[in-house]
């Protein structure tokens, strides 16, 4: 994977541009999912803390 992606980036061609675009899209999707995970953890932690103070 490392070699193919490195060759992809070095190529200044439509294929290289496609690889870069797909890499950016993949990175965006992963970061959005990661952000959702963090948001869920913070939300559940906040709810747990609120429940503790409510008791």
PDB file of N, CA and C in Angstrom:
ATOM      1  N   UNK A   1       0.846  -1.207   0.000  1.00  0.00           N
ATOM      2  CA  UNK A   1       0.000   0.000   0.000  1.00  0.00           C
ATOM      3  C   UNK A   1       0.879   1.253   0.000  1.00  0.00           C
ATOM      4  N   UNK A   2       1.952   1.243   0.815  1.00  0.00           N
ATOM      5  CA  UNK A   2       2.847   2.394   0.909  1.00  0.00           C
ATOM      6  C   UNK A   2       3.514   2.706  -0.412  1.00  0.00           C
ATOM      7  N   UNK A   3       4.012   1.657  -1.092  1.00  0.00           N
ATOM      8  CA  UNK A   3       4.703   1.849  -2.368  1.00  0.00           C
ATOM      9  C   UNK A   3       3.746   2.368  -3.435  1.00  0.00           C
ATOM     10  N   UNK A   4       2.569   1.788  -3.525  1.00  0.00           N
ATOM     11  CA  UNK A   4       1.602   2.190  -4.555  1.00  0.00           C
ATOM     12  C   UNK A   4       1.129   3.625  -4.334  1.00  0.00           C
ATOM     13  N   UNK A   5       0.884   4.006  -3.087  1.00  0.00           N
ATOM     14  CA  UNK A   5       0.427   5.368  -2.798  1.00  0.00           C
ATOM     15  C   UNK A   5       1.541   6.374  -3.058  1.00  0.00           C
ATOM     16  N   UNK A   6       2.801   5.995  -2.771  1.00  0.00           N
ATOM     17  CA  UNK A   6       3.944   6.877  -3.024  1.00  0.00           C
ATOM     18  C   UNK A   6       4.099   7.088  -4.525  1.00  0.00           C
ATOM     19  N   UNK A   7       3.977   6.011  -5.305  1.00  0.00           N
ATOM     20  CA  UNK A   7       4.057   6.104  -6.759  1.00  0.00           C
ATOM     21  C   UNK A   7       2.914   6.934  -7.302  1.00  0.00           C
ATOM     22  N   UNK A   8       1.774   6.811  -6.665  1.00  0.00           N
ATOM     23  CA  UNK A   8       0.569   7.544  -7.039  1.00  0.00           C
ATOM     24  C   UNK A   8       0.794   9.045  -6.913  1.00  0.00           C
ATOM     25  N   UNK A   9       1.365   9.458  -5.788  1.00  0.00           N
ATOM     26  CA  UNK A   9       1.582  10.876  -5.512  1.00  0.00           C
ATOM     27  C   UNK A   9       2.633  11.447  -6.457  1.00  0.00           C
ATOM     28  N   UNK A  10       3.687  10.654  -6.751  1.00  0.00           N
ATOM     29  CA  UNK A  10       4.781  11.118  -7.608  1.00  0.00           C
ATOM     30  C   UNK A  10       4.329  11.311  -9.050  1.00  0.00           C
ATOM     31  N   UNK A  11       3.341  10.535  -9.474  1.00  0.00           N
ATOM     32  CA  UNK A  11       2.846  10.646 -10.848  1.00  0.00           C
ATOM     33  C   UNK A  11       2.067  11.942 -11.031  1.00  0.00           C
ATOM     34  N   UNK A  12       2.531  12.802 -11.919  1.00  0.00           N
ATOM     35  CA  UNK A  12       1.776  14.015 -12.249  1.00  0.00           C
ATOM     36  C   UNK A  12       0.961  13.668 -13.495  1.00  0.00           C
ATOM     37  N   UNK A  13      -0.186  13.082 -13.272  1.00  0.00           N
ATOM     38  CA  UNK A  13      -1.029  12.600 -14.363  1.00  0.00           C
ATOM     39  C   UNK A  13      -2.468  12.507 -13.866  1.00  0.00           C
ATOM     40  N   UNK A  14      -3.419  12.279 -14.764  1.00  0.00           N
ATOM     41  CA  UNK A  14      -4.816  12.103 -14.322  1.00  0.00           C
ATOM     42  C   UNK A  14      -4.956  11.016 -13.264  1.00  0.00           C
ATOM     43  N   UNK A  15      -4.174   9.938 -13.413  1.00  0.00           N
ATOM     44  CA  UNK A  15      -4.229   8.842 -12.444  1.00  0.00           C
ATOM     45  C   UNK A  15      -3.732   9.326 -11.080  1.00  0.00           C
ATOM     46  N   UNK A  16      -2.645  10.103 -11.079  1.00  0.00           N
ATOM     47  CA  UNK A  16      -2.108  10.645  -9.831  1.00  0.00           C
ATOM     48  C   UNK A  16      -3.099  11.583  -9.161  1.00  0.00           C
ATOM     49  N   UNK A  17      -3.763  12.412  -9.977  1.00  0.00           N
ATOM     50  CA  UNK A  17      -4.768  13.339  -9.462  1.00  0.00           C
ATOM     51  C   UNK A  17      -5.940  12.568  -8.861  1.00  0.00           C
ATOM     52  N   UNK A  18      -6.327  11.475  -9.525  1.00  0.00           N
ATOM     53  CA  UNK A  18      -7.421  10.635  -9.040  1.00  0.00           C
ATOM     54  C   UNK A  18      -7.059  10.011  -7.698  1.00  0.00           C
ATOM     55  N   UNK A  19      -5.811   9.519  -7.585  1.00  0.00           N
ATOM     56  CA  UNK A  19      -5.345   8.912  -6.339  1.00  0.00           C
ATOM     57  C   UNK A  19      -5.347   9.931  -5.209  1.00  0.00           C
ATOM     58  N   UNK A  20      -4.884  11.132  -5.504  1.00  0.00           N
ATOM     59  CA  UNK A  20      -4.844  12.199  -4.500  1.00  0.00           C
ATOM     60  C   UNK A  20      -6.262  12.551  -4.047  1.00  0.00           C
ATOM     61  N   UNK A  21      -7.181  12.665  -5.002  1.00  0.00           N
ATOM     62  CA  UNK A  21      -8.572  13.005  -4.692  1.00  0.00           C
ATOM     63  C   UNK A  21      -9.220  11.921  -3.838  1.00  0.00           C
ATOM     64  N   UNK A  22      -9.009  10.654  -4.218  1.00  0.00           N
ATOM     65  CA  UNK A  22      -9.598   9.546  -3.462  1.00  0.00           C
ATOM     66  C   UNK A  22      -8.994   9.484  -2.064  1.00  0.00           C
ATOM     67  N   UNK A  23      -7.696   9.803  -1.956  1.00  0.00           N
ATOM     68  CA  UNK A  23      -7.041   9.834  -0.651  1.00  0.00           C
ATOM     69  C   UNK A  23      -7.625  10.918   0.239  1.00  0.00           C
ATOM     70  N   UNK A  24      -7.883  12.086  -0.347  1.00  0.00           N
ATOM     71  CA  UNK A  24      -8.464  13.202   0.400  1.00  0.00           C
ATOM     72  C   UNK A  24      -9.879  12.866   0.861  1.00  0.00           C
ATOM     73  N   UNK A  25     -10.662  12.244  -0.025  1.00  0.00           N
ATOM     74  CA  UNK A  25     -12.038  11.853   0.300  1.00  0.00           C
ATOM     75  C   UNK A  25     -12.036  10.836   1.435  1.00  0.00           C
ATOM     76  N   UNK A  26     -11.134   9.846   1.327  1.00  0.00           N
ATOM     77  CA  UNK A  26     -11.021   8.808   2.351  1.00  0.00           C
ATOM     78  C   UNK A  26     -10.637   9.429   3.694  1.00  0.00           C
ATOM     79  N   UNK A  27      -9.688  10.366   3.653  1.00  0.00           N
ATOM     80  CA  UNK A  27      -9.261  11.056   4.868  1.00  0.00           C
ATOM     81  C   UNK A  27     -10.401  11.850   5.497  1.00  0.00           C
ATOM     82  N   UNK A  28     -11.202  12.506   4.644  1.00  0.00           N
ATOM     83  CA  UNK A  28     -12.335  13.292   5.128  1.00  0.00           C
ATOM     84  C   UNK A  28     -13.373  12.401   5.801  1.00  0.00           C
ATOM     85  N   UNK A  29     -13.677  11.262   5.169  1.00  0.00           N
ATOM     86  CA  UNK A  29     -14.654  10.313   5.721  1.00  0.00           C
ATOM     87  C   UNK A  29     -14.177   9.794   7.073  1.00  0.00           C
ATOM     88  N   UNK A  30     -12.888   9.426   7.149  1.00  0.00           N
ATOM     89  CA  UNK A  30     -12.326   8.901   8.395  1.00  0.00           C
ATOM     90  C   UNK A  30     -12.346   9.950   9.497  1.00  0.00           C
ATOM     91  N   UNK A  31     -12.001  11.196   9.162  1.00  0.00           N
ATOM     92  CA  UNK A  31     -11.972  12.261  10.167  1.00  0.00           C
ATOM     93  C   UNK A  31     -13.379  12.576  10.665  1.00  0.00           C
ATOM     94  N   UNK A  32     -14.381  12.515   9.765  1.00  0.00           N
ATOM     95  CA  UNK A  32     -15.777  12.752  10.154  1.00  0.00           C
ATOM     96  C   UNK A  32     -16.241  11.652  11.109  1.00  0.00           C
ATOM     97  N   UNK A  33     -15.907  10.395  10.778  1.00  0.00           N
ATOM     98  CA  UNK A  33     -16.285   9.278  11.650  1.00  0.00           C
ATOM     99  C   UNK A  33     -15.595   9.392  12.993  1.00  0.00           C
ATOM    100  N   UNK A  34     -14.311   9.807  12.978  1.00  0.00           N
ATOM    101  CA  UNK A  34     -13.532   9.975  14.202  1.00  0.00           C
ATOM    102  C   UNK A  34     -14.144  11.074  15.064  1.00  0.00           C
ATOM    103  N   UNK A  35     -14.546  12.184  14.418  1.00  0.00           N
ATOM    104  CA  UNK A  35     -15.162  13.308  15.124  1.00  0.00           C
ATOM    105  C   UNK A  35     -16.487  12.880  15.753  1.00  0.00           C
ATOM    106  N   UNK A  36     -17.267  12.065  15.018  1.00  0.00           N
ATOM    107  CA  UNK A  36     -18.539  11.561  15.547  1.00  0.00           C
ATOM    108  C   UNK A  36     -18.291  10.691  16.768  1.00  0.00           C
ATOM    109  N   UNK A  37     -17.233   9.880  16.720  1.00  0.00           N
ATOM    110  CA  UNK A  37     -16.878   9.011  17.846  1.00  0.00           C
ATOM    111  C   UNK A  37     -16.529   9.826  19.081  1.00  0.00           C
ATOM    112  N   UNK A  38     -15.719  10.881  18.883  1.00  0.00           N
ATOM    113  CA  UNK A  38     -15.333  11.767  19.986  1.00  0.00           C
ATOM    114  C   UNK A  38     -16.571  12.459  20.549  1.00  0.00           C
ATOM    115  N   UNK A  39     -17.448  12.936  19.656  1.00  0.00           N
ATOM    116  CA  UNK A  39     -18.675  13.613  20.070  1.00  0.00           C
ATOM    117  C   UNK A  39     -19.547  12.680  20.910  1.00  0.00           C
ATOM    118  N   UNK A  40     -19.658  11.414  20.485  1.00  0.00           N
ATOM    119  CA  UNK A  40     -20.456  10.423  21.210  1.00  0.00           C
ATOM    120  C   UNK A  40     -19.873  10.161  22.597  1.00  0.00           C
ATOM    121  N   UNK A  41     -18.528  10.051  22.670  1.00  0.00           N
ATOM    122  CA  UNK A  41     -17.859   9.808  23.953  1.00  0.00           C
ATOM    123  C   UNK A  41     -18.094  10.981  24.906  1.00  0.00           C
ATOM    124  N   UNK A  42     -17.941  12.203  24.393  1.00  0.00           N
ATOM    125  CA  UNK A  42     -18.141  13.410  25.207  1.00  0.00           C
ATOM    126  C   UNK A  42     -19.591  13.494  25.678  1.00  0.00           C
ATOM    127  N   UNK A  43     -20.514  13.182  24.767  1.00  0.00           N
ATOM    128  CA  UNK A  43     -21.938  13.231  25.077  1.00  0.00           C
ATOM    129  C   UNK A  43     -22.290  12.220  26.165  1.00  0.00           C
ATOM    130  N   UNK A  44     -21.808  10.982  26.019  1.00  0.00           N
ATOM    131  CA  UNK A  44     -22.104   9.933  26.995  1.00  0.00           C
ATOM    132  C   UNK A  44     -21.449  10.243  28.341  1.00  0.00           C
ATOM    133  N   UNK A  45     -20.237  10.817  28.308  1.00  0.00           N
ATOM    134  CA  UNK A  45     -19.553  11.197  29.548  1.00  0.00           C
ATOM    135  C   UNK A  45     -20.328  12.303  30.256  1.00  0.00           C
ATOM    136  N   UNK A  46     -20.822  13.267  29.475  1.00  0.00           N
ATOM    137  CA  UNK A  46     -21.612  14.358  30.031  1.00  0.00           C
ATOM    138  C   UNK A  46     -22.923  13.856  30.626  1.00  0.00           C
ATOM    139  N   UNK A  47     -23.561  12.917  29.946  1.00  0.00           N
ATOM    140  CA  UNK A  47     -24.814  12.337  30.423  1.00  0.00           C
ATOM    141  C   UNK A  47     -24.579  11.552  31.711  1.00  0.00           C
ATOM    142  N   UNK A  48     -23.473  10.821  31.765  1.00  0.00           N
ATOM    143  CA  UNK A  48     -23.120  10.038  32.959  1.00  0.00           C
ATOM    144  C   UNK A  48     -22.857  10.957  34.154  1.00  0.00           C
ATOM    145  N   UNK A  49     -22.153  12.056  33.892  1.00  0.00           N
ATOM    146  CA  UNK A  49     -21.847  13.030  34.938  1.00  0.00           C
ATOM    147  C   UNK A  49     -23.135  13.688  35.445  1.00  0.00           C
ATOM    148  N   UNK A  50     -24.031  14.024  34.511  1.00  0.00           N
ATOM    149  CA  UNK A  50     -25.312  14.630  34.873  1.00  0.00           C
ATOM    150  C   UNK A  50     -26.138  13.656  35.704  1.00  0.00           C
ATOM    151  N   UNK A  51     -26.080  12.364  35.339  1.00  0.00           N
ATOM    152  CA  UNK A  51     -26.819  11.330  36.071  1.00  0.00           C
ATOM    153  C   UNK A  51     -26.262  11.180  37.483  1.00  0.00           C
ATOM    154  N   UNK A  52     -24.938  11.290  37.624  1.00  0.00           N
ATOM    155  CA  UNK A  52     -24.303  11.181  38.946  1.00  0.00           C
ATOM    156  C   UNK A  52     -24.719  12.343  39.844  1.00  0.00           C
ATOM    157  N   UNK A  53     -24.778  13.551  39.287  1.00  0.00           N
ATOM    158  CA  UNK A  53     -25.163  14.721  40.075  1.00  0.00           C
ATOM    159  C   UNK A  53     -26.659  14.683  40.391  1.00  0.00           C
ATOM    160  N   UNK A  54     -27.445  14.069  39.491  1.00  0.00           N
ATOM    161  CA  UNK A  54     -28.897  13.966  39.680  1.00  0.00           C
ATOM    162  C   UNK A  54     -29.230  13.021  40.828  1.00  0.00           C
ATOM    163  N   UNK A  55     -28.432  11.969  40.991  1.00  0.00           N
ATOM    164  CA  UNK A  55     -28.685  10.962  42.037  1.00  0.00           C
ATOM    165  C   UNK A  55     -28.549  11.550  43.437  1.00  0.00           C
TER     166      UNK A  55
END
